[in-house]
C-alpha atoms as a PDB file:
ATOM      1  CA  ARG A   1      11.871 -42.957  46.569  1.00  0.00           C
ATOM      2  CA  VAL A   2       9.037 -40.414  46.685  1.00  0.00           C
ATOM      3  CA  ARG A   3      10.401 -38.821  43.522  1.00  0.00           C
ATOM      4  CA  GLY A   4      10.370 -42.244  41.800  1.00  0.00           C
ATOM      5  CA  GLU A   5       6.801 -42.983  42.833  1.00  0.00           C
ATOM      6  CA  VAL A   6       5.702 -39.571  41.609  1.00  0.00           C
ATOM      7  CA  GLY A   7       7.436 -40.196  38.279  1.00  0.00           C
ATOM      8  CA  THR A   8       5.774 -43.542  37.910  1.00  0.00           C
ATOM      9  CA  PHE A   9       2.383 -42.014  38.728  1.00  0.00           C
ATOM     10  CA  LEU A  10       2.817 -39.239  36.164  1.00  0.00           C
ATOM     11  CA  ALA A  11       3.897 -41.634  33.401  1.00  0.00           C
ATOM     12  CA  THR A  12       0.970 -43.894  34.089  1.00  0.00           C
ATOM     13  CA  SER A  13      -1.476 -40.983  34.116  1.00  0.00           C
ATOM     14  CA  THR A  14      -0.084 -39.596  30.835  1.00  0.00           C
ATOM     15  CA  PHE A  15      -0.427 -42.986  29.169  1.00  0.00           C
ATOM     16  CA  LYS A  16      -4.027 -43.386  30.361  1.00  0.00           C
ATOM     17  CA  MET A  17      -4.910 -39.890  29.190  1.00  0.00           C
ATOM     18  CA  ALA A  18      -3.417 -40.482  25.718  1.00  0.00           C
ATOM     19  CA  PHE A  19      -5.248 -43.781  25.454  1.00  0.00           C
ATOM     20  CA  ALA A  20      -8.535 -42.097  26.451  1.00  0.00           C
ATOM     21  CA  VAL A  21      -8.051 -39.277  23.928  1.00  0.00           C
ATOM     22  CA  ARG A  22      -7.323 -41.772  21.141  1.00  0.00           C
ATOM     23  CA  ASN A  23     -10.489 -43.743  21.908  1.00  0.00           C
ATOM     24  CA  ALA A  24     -12.511 -40.553  22.058  1.00  0.00           C
ATOM     25  CA  LEU A  25     -11.268 -39.514  18.614  1.00  0.00           C
ATOM     26  CA  ARG A  26     -12.132 -42.916  17.177  1.00  0.00           C
ATOM     27  CA  THR A  27     -15.613 -42.665  18.652  1.00  0.00           C
ATOM     28  CA  VAL A  28     -16.201 -39.274  17.049  1.00  0.00           C
ATOM     29  CA  ALA A  29     -14.718 -40.199  13.644  1.00  0.00           C
ATOM     30  CA  ALA A  30     -16.359 -43.587  13.314  1.00  0.00           C
ATOM     31  CA  PRO A  31     -19.907 -42.347  12.613  1.00  0.00           C
ATOM     32  CA  ARG A  32     -18.521 -40.070   9.910  1.00  0.00           C
ATOM     33  CA  VAL A  33     -16.811 -42.951   8.190  1.00  0.00           C
ATOM     34  CA  LEU A  34     -19.965 -45.043   8.540  1.00  0.00           C
ATOM     35  CA  ARG A  35     -22.142 -42.262   7.080  1.00  0.00           C
ATOM     36  CA  LYS A  36     -19.877 -41.995   4.064  1.00  0.00           C
ATOM     37  CA  ALA A  37     -20.006 -45.733   3.541  1.00  0.00           C
ATOM     38  CA  ILE A  38     -23.802 -45.915   3.483  1.00  0.00           C
ATOM     39  CA  ALA A  39     -24.512 -42.670   1.648  1.00  0.00           C
ATOM     40  CA  PRO A  40     -26.855 -43.433  -1.315  1.00  0.00           C
ATOM     41  CA  VAL A  41     -25.311 -43.272  -4.789  1.00  0.00           C
ATOM     42  CA  ALA A  42     -27.175 -41.044  -7.244  1.00  0.00           C
ATOM     43  CA  PRO A  43     -28.554 -43.076 -10.165  1.00  0.00           C
ATOM     44  CA  VAL A  44     -26.909 -42.526 -13.551  1.00  0.00           C
ATOM     45  CA  ARG A  45     -29.398 -41.185 -16.092  1.00  0.00           C
ATOM     46  CA  ARG A  46     -28.996 -42.452 -19.632  1.00  0.00           C
ATOM     47  CA  LEU A  47     -30.193 -40.128 -22.379  1.00  0.00           C
ATOM     48  CA  ALA A  48     -32.245 -41.721 -25.135  1.00  0.00           C
ATOM     49  CA  LEU A  49     -30.388 -40.829 -28.317  1.00  0.00           C
ATOM     50  CA  SER A  50     -32.004 -41.189 -31.741  1.00  0.00           C
ATOM     51  CA  THR A  51     -30.046 -43.308 -34.179  1.00  0.00           C
ATOM     52  CA  ARG A  52     -31.778 -41.718 -37.183  1.00  0.00           C
ATOM     53  CA  ALA A  53     -29.803 -38.975 -38.871  1.00  0.00           C
ATOM     54  CA  SER A  54     -31.806 -35.907 -39.868  1.00  0.00           C
ATOM     55  CA  ALA A  55     -33.070 -35.954 -43.444  1.00  0.00           C
ATOM     56  CA  LYS A  56     -32.698 -32.175 -43.725  1.00  0.00           C
ATOM     57  CA  VAL A  57     -29.615 -31.019 -45.614  1.00  0.00           C
ATOM     58  CA  ASP A  58     -28.267 -27.999 -43.741  1.00  0.00           C
ATOM     59  CA  ALA A  59     -25.615 -27.241 -46.373  1.00  0.00           C
ATOM     60  CA  PHE A  60     -28.328 -25.362 -48.276  1.00  0.00           C
ATOM     61  CA  THR A  61     -30.399 -22.532 -46.841  1.00  0.00           C
ATOM     62  CA  ALA A  62     -33.359 -20.556 -48.130  1.00  0.00           C
ATOM     63  CA  GLU A  63     -33.571 -16.777 -48.347  1.00  0.00           C
ATOM     64  CA  GLU A  64     -36.895 -15.017 -48.896  1.00  0.00           C
ATOM     65  CA  LYS A  65     -37.187 -11.891 -51.000  1.00  0.00           C
ATOM     66  CA  GLY A  66     -40.288  -9.819 -51.680  1.00  0.00           C
ATOM     67  CA  ALA A  67     -43.521  -9.730 -49.731  1.00  0.00           C
ATOM     68  CA  ALA A  68     -45.264 -13.038 -49.133  1.00  0.00           C
ATOM     69  CA  ASP A  69     -48.494 -13.670 -51.038  1.00  0.00           C
ATOM     70  CA  THR A  70     -47.474 -11.331 -53.863  1.00  0.00           C
ATOM     71  CA  THR A  71     -46.192 -11.909 -57.388  1.00  0.00           C
ATOM     72  CA  ASP A  72     -42.786 -10.562 -56.272  1.00  0.00           C
ATOM     73  CA  TYR A  73     -42.217 -13.204 -53.607  1.00  0.00           C
ATOM     74  CA  ARG A  74     -39.241 -15.499 -54.182  1.00  0.00           C
ATOM     75  CA  ILE A  75     -37.238 -18.047 -52.211  1.00  0.00           C
ATOM     76  CA  PHE A  76     -33.602 -18.136 -53.267  1.00  0.00           C
ATOM     77  CA  PHE A  77     -31.129 -20.813 -52.223  1.00  0.00           C
ATOM     78  CA  LYS A  78     -27.669 -20.375 -50.749  1.00  0.00           C
ATOM     79  CA  SER A  79     -24.700 -22.570 -49.953  1.00  0.00           C
ATOM     80  CA  GLY A  80     -22.808 -20.608 -47.337  1.00  0.00           C
ATOM     81  CA  SER A  81     -22.746 -17.067 -48.707  1.00  0.00           C
ATOM     82  CA  LYS A  82     -23.038 -18.158 -52.344  1.00  0.00           C
ATOM     83  CA  MET A  83     -26.356 -18.035 -54.171  1.00  0.00           C
ATOM     84  CA  VAL A  84     -27.092 -21.361 -55.881  1.00  0.00           C
ATOM     85  CA  SER A  85     -29.746 -22.774 -58.151  1.00  0.00           C
ATOM     86  CA  PRO A  86     -31.841 -25.504 -56.514  1.00  0.00           C
ATOM     87  CA  TRP A  87     -32.402 -27.124 -59.906  1.00  0.00           C
ATOM     88  CA  HIS A  88     -28.816 -27.024 -61.144  1.00  0.00           C
ATOM     89  CA  GLU A  89     -26.475 -26.912 -58.143  1.00  0.00           C
ATOM     90  CA  ILE A  90     -28.050 -29.288 -55.651  1.00  0.00           C
ATOM     91  CA  PRO A  91     -27.039 -32.833 -56.627  1.00  0.00           C
ATOM     92  CA  LEU A  92     -29.683 -35.425 -57.398  1.00  0.00           C
ATOM     93  CA  PHE A  93     -28.043 -38.322 -55.591  1.00  0.00           C
ATOM     94  CA  ALA A  94     -27.536 -38.141 -51.818  1.00  0.00           C
ATOM     95  CA  GLY A  95     -25.720 -41.454 -51.258  1.00  0.00           C
ATOM     96  CA  ASP A  96     -26.910 -44.723 -49.677  1.00  0.00           C
ATOM     97  CA  GLY A  97     -29.679 -45.045 -52.262  1.00  0.00           C
ATOM     98  CA  LEU A  98     -31.232 -41.716 -51.254  1.00  0.00           C
ATOM     99  CA  LEU A  99     -32.113 -38.694 -53.370  1.00  0.00           C
ATOM    100  CA  HIS A 100     -32.227 -34.984 -52.650  1.00  0.00           C
ATOM    101  CA  PHE A 101     -35.744 -33.549 -52.567  1.00  0.00           C
ATOM    102  CA  ILE A 102     -36.606 -29.847 -52.665  1.00  0.00           C
ATOM    103  CA  CYS A 103     -39.859 -29.063 -50.893  1.00  0.00           C
ATOM    104  CA  GLU A 104     -41.916 -26.507 -52.802  1.00  0.00           C
ATOM    105  CA  ILE A 105     -45.288 -27.067 -51.130  1.00  0.00           C
ATOM    106  CA  PRO A 106     -45.555 -28.228 -47.499  1.00  0.00           C
ATOM    107  CA  LYS A 107     -48.356 -30.646 -46.693  1.00  0.00           C
ATOM    108  CA  GLU A 108     -51.793 -29.231 -45.813  1.00  0.00           C
ATOM    109  CA  THR A 109     -51.232 -25.985 -47.739  1.00  0.00           C
ATOM    110  CA  SER A 110     -52.738 -24.878 -51.048  1.00  0.00           C
ATOM    111  CA  ALA A 111     -50.503 -22.175 -52.577  1.00  0.00           C
ATOM    112  CA  LYS A 112     -49.152 -23.541 -55.875  1.00  0.00           C
ATOM    113  CA  MET A 113     -45.444 -22.895 -55.367  1.00  0.00           C
ATOM    114  CA  GLU A 114     -42.818 -24.042 -57.871  1.00  0.00           C
ATOM    115  CA  VAL A 115     -39.208 -23.629 -58.886  1.00  0.00           C
ATOM    116  CA  ALA A 116     -39.115 -20.988 -61.630  1.00  0.00           C
ATOM    117  CA  THR A 117     -37.138 -22.823 -64.296  1.00  0.00           C
ATOM    118  CA  ASP A 118     -37.188 -19.777 -66.590  1.00  0.00           C
ATOM    119  CA  GLU A 119     -35.654 -17.319 -64.068  1.00  0.00           C
ATOM    120  CA  VAL A 120     -31.978 -16.822 -63.261  1.00  0.00           C
ATOM    121  CA  GLY A 121     -31.146 -18.775 -60.097  1.00  0.00           C
ATOM    122  CA  THR A 122     -34.397 -20.770 -60.483  1.00  0.00           C
ATOM    123  CA  PRO A 123     -35.946 -19.560 -57.187  1.00  0.00           C
ATOM    124  CA  ILE A 124     -39.252 -20.813 -55.807  1.00  0.00           C
ATOM    125  CA  LYS A 125     -42.207 -18.582 -56.617  1.00  0.00           C
ATOM    126  CA  GLN A 126     -45.985 -18.896 -56.651  1.00  0.00           C
ATOM    127  CA  ASP A 127     -47.435 -19.859 -59.998  1.00  0.00           C
ATOM    128  CA  ILE A 128     -49.439 -17.135 -61.740  1.00  0.00           C
ATOM    129  CA  LYS A 129     -52.318 -17.445 -64.171  1.00  0.00           C
ATOM    130  CA  LYS A 130     -53.965 -14.442 -65.808  1.00  0.00           C
ATOM    131  CA  GLY A 131     -52.090 -12.163 -63.426  1.00  0.00           C
ATOM    132  CA  LYS A 132     -53.361 -13.900 -60.303  1.00  0.00           C
ATOM    133  CA  LEU A 133     -51.609 -16.135 -57.805  1.00  0.00           C
ATOM    134  CA  ARG A 134     -52.624 -19.765 -58.196  1.00  0.00           C
ATOM    135  CA  PHE A 135     -53.948 -21.999 -55.430  1.00  0.00           C
ATOM    136  CA  TYR A 136     -55.112 -25.590 -55.433  1.00  0.00           C
ATOM    137  CA  PRO A 137     -58.868 -25.876 -54.777  1.00  0.00           C
ATOM    138  CA  TYR A 138     -58.044 -27.665 -51.510  1.00  0.00           C
ATOM    139  CA  ASN A 139     -54.974 -28.454 -49.429  1.00  0.00           C
ATOM    140  CA  ILE A 140     -52.452 -30.945 -50.705  1.00  0.00           C
ATOM    141  CA  ASN A 141     -52.119 -33.747 -48.149  1.00  0.00           C
ATOM    142  CA  TRP A 142     -48.425 -34.526 -48.663  1.00  0.00           C
ATOM    143  CA  ASN A 143     -45.171 -32.628 -48.961  1.00  0.00           C
ATOM    144  CA  TYR A 144     -44.648 -31.841 -52.634  1.00  0.00           C
ATOM    145  CA  GLY A 145     -41.638 -30.752 -54.620  1.00  0.00           C
ATOM    146  CA  LEU A 146     -39.022 -31.870 -57.106  1.00  0.00           C
ATOM    147  CA  LEU A 147     -35.868 -33.836 -57.786  1.00  0.00           C
ATOM    148  CA  PRO A 148     -32.968 -31.535 -58.742  1.00  0.00           C
ATOM    149  CA  GLN A 149     -30.990 -32.209 -61.911  1.00  0.00           C
ATOM    150  CA  THR A 150     -33.889 -34.005 -63.618  1.00  0.00           C
ATOM    151  CA  TRP A 151     -35.884 -32.876 -66.639  1.00  0.00           C
ATOM    152  CA  GLU A 152     -38.883 -34.262 -68.476  1.00  0.00           C
ATOM    153  CA  ASP A 153     -37.882 -33.566 -72.054  1.00  0.00           C
ATOM    154  CA  PRO A 154     -40.828 -32.341 -74.193  1.00  0.00           C
ATOM    155  CA  GLY A 155     -38.941 -33.579 -77.232  1.00  0.00           C
ATOM    156  CA  HIS A 156     -38.813 -37.166 -75.996  1.00  0.00           C
ATOM    157  CA  LYS A 157     -41.851 -39.297 -76.782  1.00  0.00           C
ATOM    158  CA  ASN A 158     -42.570 -42.287 -74.571  1.00  0.00           C
ATOM    159  CA  ALA A 159     -43.323 -45.295 -76.771  1.00  0.00           C
ATOM    160  CA  GLU A 160     -44.989 -47.212 -73.922  1.00  0.00           C
ATOM    161  CA  LEU A 161     -47.453 -44.365 -73.342  1.00  0.00           C
ATOM    162  CA  ASN A 162     -48.685 -43.785 -76.871  1.00  0.00           C
ATOM    163  CA  GLY A 163     -45.973 -41.274 -77.689  1.00  0.00           C
ATOM    164  CA  VAL A 164     -46.765 -38.769 -74.927  1.00  0.00           C
ATOM    165  CA  ALA A 165     -43.812 -36.414 -74.245  1.00  0.00           C
ATOM    166  CA  GLY A 166     -42.415 -34.758 -71.132  1.00  0.00           C
ATOM    167  CA  ASP A 167     -43.873 -31.618 -69.551  1.00  0.00           C
ATOM    168  CA  ASN A 168     -40.647 -29.541 -69.632  1.00  0.00           C
ATOM    169  CA  ASP A 169     -40.234 -29.585 -65.830  1.00  0.00           C
ATOM    170  CA  PRO A 170     -38.094 -31.375 -63.243  1.00  0.00           C
ATOM    171  CA  VAL A 171     -39.548 -34.618 -61.889  1.00  0.00           C
ATOM    172  CA  ASP A 172     -42.186 -34.121 -59.170  1.00  0.00           C
ATOM    173  CA  VAL A 173     -42.084 -35.841 -55.778  1.00  0.00           C
ATOM    174  CA  VAL A 174     -44.890 -36.691 -53.372  1.00  0.00           C
ATOM    175  CA  GLU A 175     -43.306 -37.193 -49.936  1.00  0.00           C
ATOM    176  CA  ILE A 176     -45.578 -39.307 -47.728  1.00  0.00           C
ATOM    177  CA  GLY A 177     -43.853 -38.988 -44.334  1.00  0.00           C
ATOM    178  CA  SER A 178     -45.498 -37.855 -41.111  1.00  0.00           C
ATOM    179  CA  SER A 179     -43.708 -34.499 -40.746  1.00  0.00           C
ATOM    180  CA  THR A 180     -44.605 -31.212 -42.389  1.00  0.00           C
ATOM    181  CA  LEU A 181     -41.497 -30.135 -44.260  1.00  0.00           C
ATOM    182  CA  LYS A 182     -40.415 -26.550 -44.830  1.00  0.00           C
ATOM    183  CA  MET A 183     -40.914 -24.693 -48.074  1.00  0.00           C
ATOM    184  CA  GLY A 184     -37.459 -24.274 -49.569  1.00  0.00           C
ATOM    185  CA  GLY A 185     -36.016 -27.083 -47.452  1.00  0.00           C
ATOM    186  CA  VAL A 186     -33.680 -29.677 -48.963  1.00  0.00           C
ATOM    187  CA  TYR A 187     -34.151 -33.228 -47.688  1.00  0.00           C
ATOM    188  CA  LYS A 188     -32.849 -36.741 -48.233  1.00  0.00           C
ATOM    189  CA  VAL A 189     -35.622 -39.080 -49.337  1.00  0.00           C
ATOM    190  CA  LYS A 190     -36.006 -42.734 -50.230  1.00  0.00           C
ATOM    191  CA  PRO A 191     -37.723 -43.331 -53.607  1.00  0.00           C
ATOM    192  CA  LEU A 192     -40.440 -45.981 -53.507  1.00  0.00           C
ATOM    193  CA  GLY A 193     -42.638 -45.839 -56.598  1.00  0.00           C
ATOM    194  CA  VAL A 194     -43.895 -43.653 -59.437  1.00  0.00           C
ATOM    195  CA  TYR A 195     -47.123 -42.758 -61.223  1.00  0.00           C
ATOM    196  CA  ALA A 196     -47.145 -41.871 -64.919  1.00  0.00           C
ATOM    197  CA  MET A 197     -49.630 -39.000 -64.793  1.00  0.00           C
ATOM    198  CA  ILE A 198     -50.757 -37.441 -68.062  1.00  0.00           C
ATOM    199  CA  ASP A 199     -51.716 -33.778 -67.728  1.00  0.00           C
ATOM    200  CA  ASP A 200     -53.029 -31.917 -70.783  1.00  0.00           C
ATOM    201  CA  GLY A 201     -51.392 -34.470 -73.040  1.00  0.00           C
ATOM    202  CA  GLU A 202     -47.984 -34.216 -71.321  1.00  0.00           C
ATOM    203  CA  LEU A 203     -46.176 -36.821 -69.242  1.00  0.00           C
ATOM    204  CA  ASP A 204     -45.780 -35.653 -65.635  1.00  0.00           C
ATOM    205  CA  TRP A 205     -44.097 -38.311 -63.492  1.00  0.00           C
ATOM    206  CA  LYS A 206     -45.027 -38.358 -59.788  1.00  0.00           C
ATOM    207  CA  VAL A 207     -42.374 -40.091 -57.698  1.00  0.00           C
ATOM    208  CA  ILE A 208     -43.557 -41.435 -54.337  1.00  0.00           C
ATOM    209  CA  ALA A 209     -40.894 -41.054 -51.635  1.00  0.00           C
ATOM    210  CA  ILE A 210     -40.402 -40.827 -47.880  1.00  0.00           C
ATOM    211  CA  ALA A 211     -38.034 -38.677 -45.830  1.00  0.00           C
ATOM    212  CA  ALA A 212     -35.010 -40.678 -44.704  1.00  0.00           C
ATOM    213  CA  ASP A 213     -35.608 -39.850 -41.027  1.00  0.00           C
ATOM    214  CA  ASP A 214     -39.312 -40.665 -40.949  1.00  0.00           C
ATOM    215  CA  PRO A 215     -40.216 -43.256 -38.259  1.00  0.00           C
ATOM    216  CA  LYS A 216     -41.493 -45.599 -40.984  1.00  0.00           C
ATOM    217  CA  ALA A 217     -38.656 -45.064 -43.457  1.00  0.00           C
ATOM    218  CA  SER A 218     -36.884 -48.281 -42.480  1.00  0.00           C
ATOM    219  CA  LYS A 219     -40.077 -50.270 -43.051  1.00  0.00           C
ATOM    220  CA  VAL A 220     -40.786 -49.126 -46.604  1.00  0.00           C
ATOM    221  CA  ASN A 221     -38.512 -49.967 -49.509  1.00  0.00           C
ATOM    222  CA  ASP A 222     -40.943 -50.550 -52.372  1.00  0.00           C
ATOM    223  CA  VAL A 223     -44.537 -50.052 -53.434  1.00  0.00           C
ATOM    224  CA  ALA A 224     -45.798 -53.171 -51.644  1.00  0.00           C
ATOM    225  CA  ASP A 225     -44.368 -51.839 -48.385  1.00  0.00           C
ATOM    226  CA  VAL A 226     -46.176 -48.532 -48.855  1.00  0.00           C
ATOM    227  CA  GLU A 227     -49.497 -50.330 -49.157  1.00  0.00           C
ATOM    228  CA  LYS A 228     -48.704 -52.298 -46.004  1.00  0.00           C
ATOM    229  CA  GLU A 229     -47.531 -49.389 -43.833  1.00  0.00           C
ATOM    230  CA  PHE A 230     -49.765 -46.689 -45.382  1.00  0.00           C
ATOM    231  CA  PRO A 231     -52.882 -48.597 -46.440  1.00  0.00           C
ATOM    232  CA  GLY A 232     -54.922 -46.724 -49.046  1.00  0.00           C
ATOM    233  CA  GLU A 233     -52.395 -43.879 -49.380  1.00  0.00           C
ATOM    234  CA  LEU A 234     -51.379 -44.628 -52.971  1.00  0.00           C
ATOM    235  CA  GLN A 235     -55.017 -44.611 -54.053  1.00  0.00           C
ATOM    236  CA  LYS A 236     -55.529 -41.252 -52.324  1.00  0.00           C
ATOM    237  CA  ILE A 237     -52.512 -39.786 -54.107  1.00  0.00           C
ATOM    238  CA  MET A 238     -53.672 -41.080 -57.473  1.00  0.00           C
ATOM    239  CA  GLU A 239     -57.180 -39.667 -57.010  1.00  0.00           C
ATOM    240  CA  TRP A 240     -55.992 -36.303 -55.635  1.00  0.00           C
ATOM    241  CA  PHE A 241     -53.792 -35.554 -58.633  1.00  0.00           C
ATOM    242  CA  ARG A 242     -56.351 -36.979 -61.024  1.00  0.00           C
ATOM    243  CA  ASP A 243     -59.170 -34.779 -59.794  1.00  0.00           C
ATOM    244  CA  TYR A 244     -57.690 -31.490 -58.506  1.00  0.00           C
ATOM    245  CA  LYS A 245     -58.498 -29.575 -61.702  1.00  0.00           C
ATOM    246  CA  ILE A 246     -62.141 -30.602 -61.808  1.00  0.00           C
ATOM    247  CA  PRO A 247     -63.380 -27.809 -59.443  1.00  0.00           C
ATOM    248  CA  ASP A 248     -61.961 -25.305 -61.971  1.00  0.00           C
ATOM    249  CA  GLY A 249     -64.069 -26.815 -64.727  1.00  0.00           C
ATOM    250  CA  LYS A 250     -61.251 -28.775 -66.352  1.00  0.00           C
ATOM    251  CA  PRO A 251     -61.217 -32.493 -67.180  1.00  0.00           C
ATOM    252  CA  ALA A 252     -59.584 -34.989 -64.875  1.00  0.00           C
ATOM    253  CA  ASN A 253     -55.997 -36.003 -65.444  1.00  0.00           C
ATOM    254  CA  SER A 254     -55.233 -39.581 -66.444  1.00  0.00           C
ATOM    255  CA  TYR A 255     -52.493 -42.159 -65.864  1.00  0.00           C
ATOM    256  CA  GLY A 256     -50.531 -44.614 -67.894  1.00  0.00           C
ATOM    257  CA  TYR A 257     -49.962 -48.255 -66.955  1.00  0.00           C
ATOM    258  CA  ASN A 258     -53.608 -48.738 -65.924  1.00  0.00           C
ATOM    259  CA  ASN A 259     -53.346 -46.289 -63.026  1.00  0.00           C
ATOM    260  CA  GLU A 260     -50.655 -48.475 -61.438  1.00  0.00           C
ATOM    261  CA  CYS A 261     -47.991 -47.083 -59.163  1.00  0.00           C
ATOM    262  CA  LYS A 262     -44.875 -48.703 -60.608  1.00  0.00           C
ATOM    263  CA  ASP A 263     -42.275 -50.314 -58.360  1.00  0.00           C
ATOM    264  CA  LYS A 264     -38.923 -48.994 -57.180  1.00  0.00           C
ATOM    265  CA  ALA A 265     -36.886 -50.574 -59.979  1.00  0.00           C
ATOM    266  CA  PHE A 266     -39.082 -48.879 -62.562  1.00  0.00           C
ATOM    267  CA  THR A 267     -38.894 -45.629 -60.582  1.00  0.00           C
ATOM    268  CA  MET A 268     -35.104 -45.640 -60.608  1.00  0.00           C
ATOM    269  CA  HIS A 269     -35.164 -46.190 -64.369  1.00  0.00           C
ATOM    270  CA  VAL A 270     -37.361 -43.107 -64.775  1.00  0.00           C
ATOM    271  CA  ILE A 271     -35.068 -41.070 -62.517  1.00  0.00           C
ATOM    272  CA  LYS A 272     -31.973 -42.195 -64.427  1.00  0.00           C
ATOM    273  CA  GLU A 273     -33.592 -41.384 -67.768  1.00  0.00           C
ATOM    274  CA  THR A 274     -34.750 -37.910 -66.708  1.00  0.00           C
ATOM    275  CA  HIS A 275     -31.362 -37.198 -65.115  1.00  0.00           C
ATOM    276  CA  GLU A 276     -29.654 -38.049 -68.400  1.00  0.00           C
ATOM    277  CA  ALA A 277     -32.073 -35.746 -70.221  1.00  0.00           C
ATOM    278  CA  TYR A 278     -31.137 -32.978 -67.793  1.00  0.00           C
ATOM    279  CA  VAL A 279     -27.403 -33.582 -68.296  1.00  0.00           C
ATOM    280  CA  HIS A 280     -27.858 -33.331 -72.059  1.00  0.00           C
ATOM    281  CA  LEU A 281     -29.770 -30.066 -71.647  1.00  0.00           C
ATOM    282  CA  LYS A 282     -27.286 -28.532 -69.228  1.00  0.00           C
ATOM    283  CA  SER A 283     -24.244 -29.524 -71.284  1.00  0.00           C
ATOM    284  CA  GLY A 284     -25.682 -28.148 -74.515  1.00  0.00           C
ATOM    285  CA  GLN A 285     -25.884 -31.580 -76.121  1.00  0.00           C
ATOM    286  CA  ARG A 286     -29.632 -30.978 -76.293  1.00  0.00           C
ATOM    287  CA  ALA A 287     -30.640 -27.525 -77.562  1.00  0.00           C
ATOM    288  CA  ASN A 288     -32.319 -25.266 -74.997  1.00  0.00           C
ATOM    289  CA  ASP A 289     -35.229 -24.244 -77.213  1.00  0.00           C
ATOM    290  CA  GLU A 290     -37.676 -23.929 -74.269  1.00  0.00           C
ATOM    291  CA  ASP A 291     -36.117 -20.697 -72.889  1.00  0.00           C
ATOM    292  CA  LEU A 292     -35.088 -22.381 -69.641  1.00  0.00           C
ATOM    293  CA  SER A 293     -32.575 -20.775 -67.280  1.00  0.00           C
ATOM    294  CA  LEU A 294     -29.466 -22.948 -67.065  1.00  0.00           C
ATOM    295  CA  ILE A 295     -27.854 -20.871 -64.308  1.00  0.00           C
END
């Protein structure tokens, strides 16, 4: 009987001890579970991503040769490792109603840089007059350059402008966006309007355009939009190109169509016409009697 009572006592004690240990473990673990449940969740940060694709065309790169600010300085163009002509081998049309624009002169600079249409590879160089590098008398306030694969044929007389003929150059572009573009950069632009400038008796079209990634690009689609979003800018452009030769003692340039900046439809007609003139020149259908480089 004593042995039975002892056995009962031990069993009861073991059960109580196990029960106590289990409760103790629950007491210790519970706060941990509670802490995990109320731990603050880190907020998810959302990155603001721009929906505007870059207007810069990275397929083409610029390579400088010669010392800057000398008559030997040139900017050549490359596609990968291949040297290409910016005038001949960069396409005019960029898709979605955009055009390719080659920046020769960044805004707020004065060096008169231009694609050398008479040199092999047609690199950018600084214009020279009487052996000296040319500069505008003051900074140009917009990015300035050209449309590839266009040509203002000096043999074609414009009947609407009293028979004035082309100036033997690619079509010029005045890019009115907010960014300063890079000399030798290739960009997608939206054409908006055009001035028919007459310089020394030659027709020198000035296409007004805006970089495709400019913050205001979506708001401007024609000349009327330019006046709304950039009030007074067209007048400034017209006056700048009219008067820039006056400080050198030369007469002011003039404009056809009563100084009017023509609308986008007219602009696209000019671009199509000058592109066709270029195609005729490049193909040999039109004789190259101006000593232009076609490579």
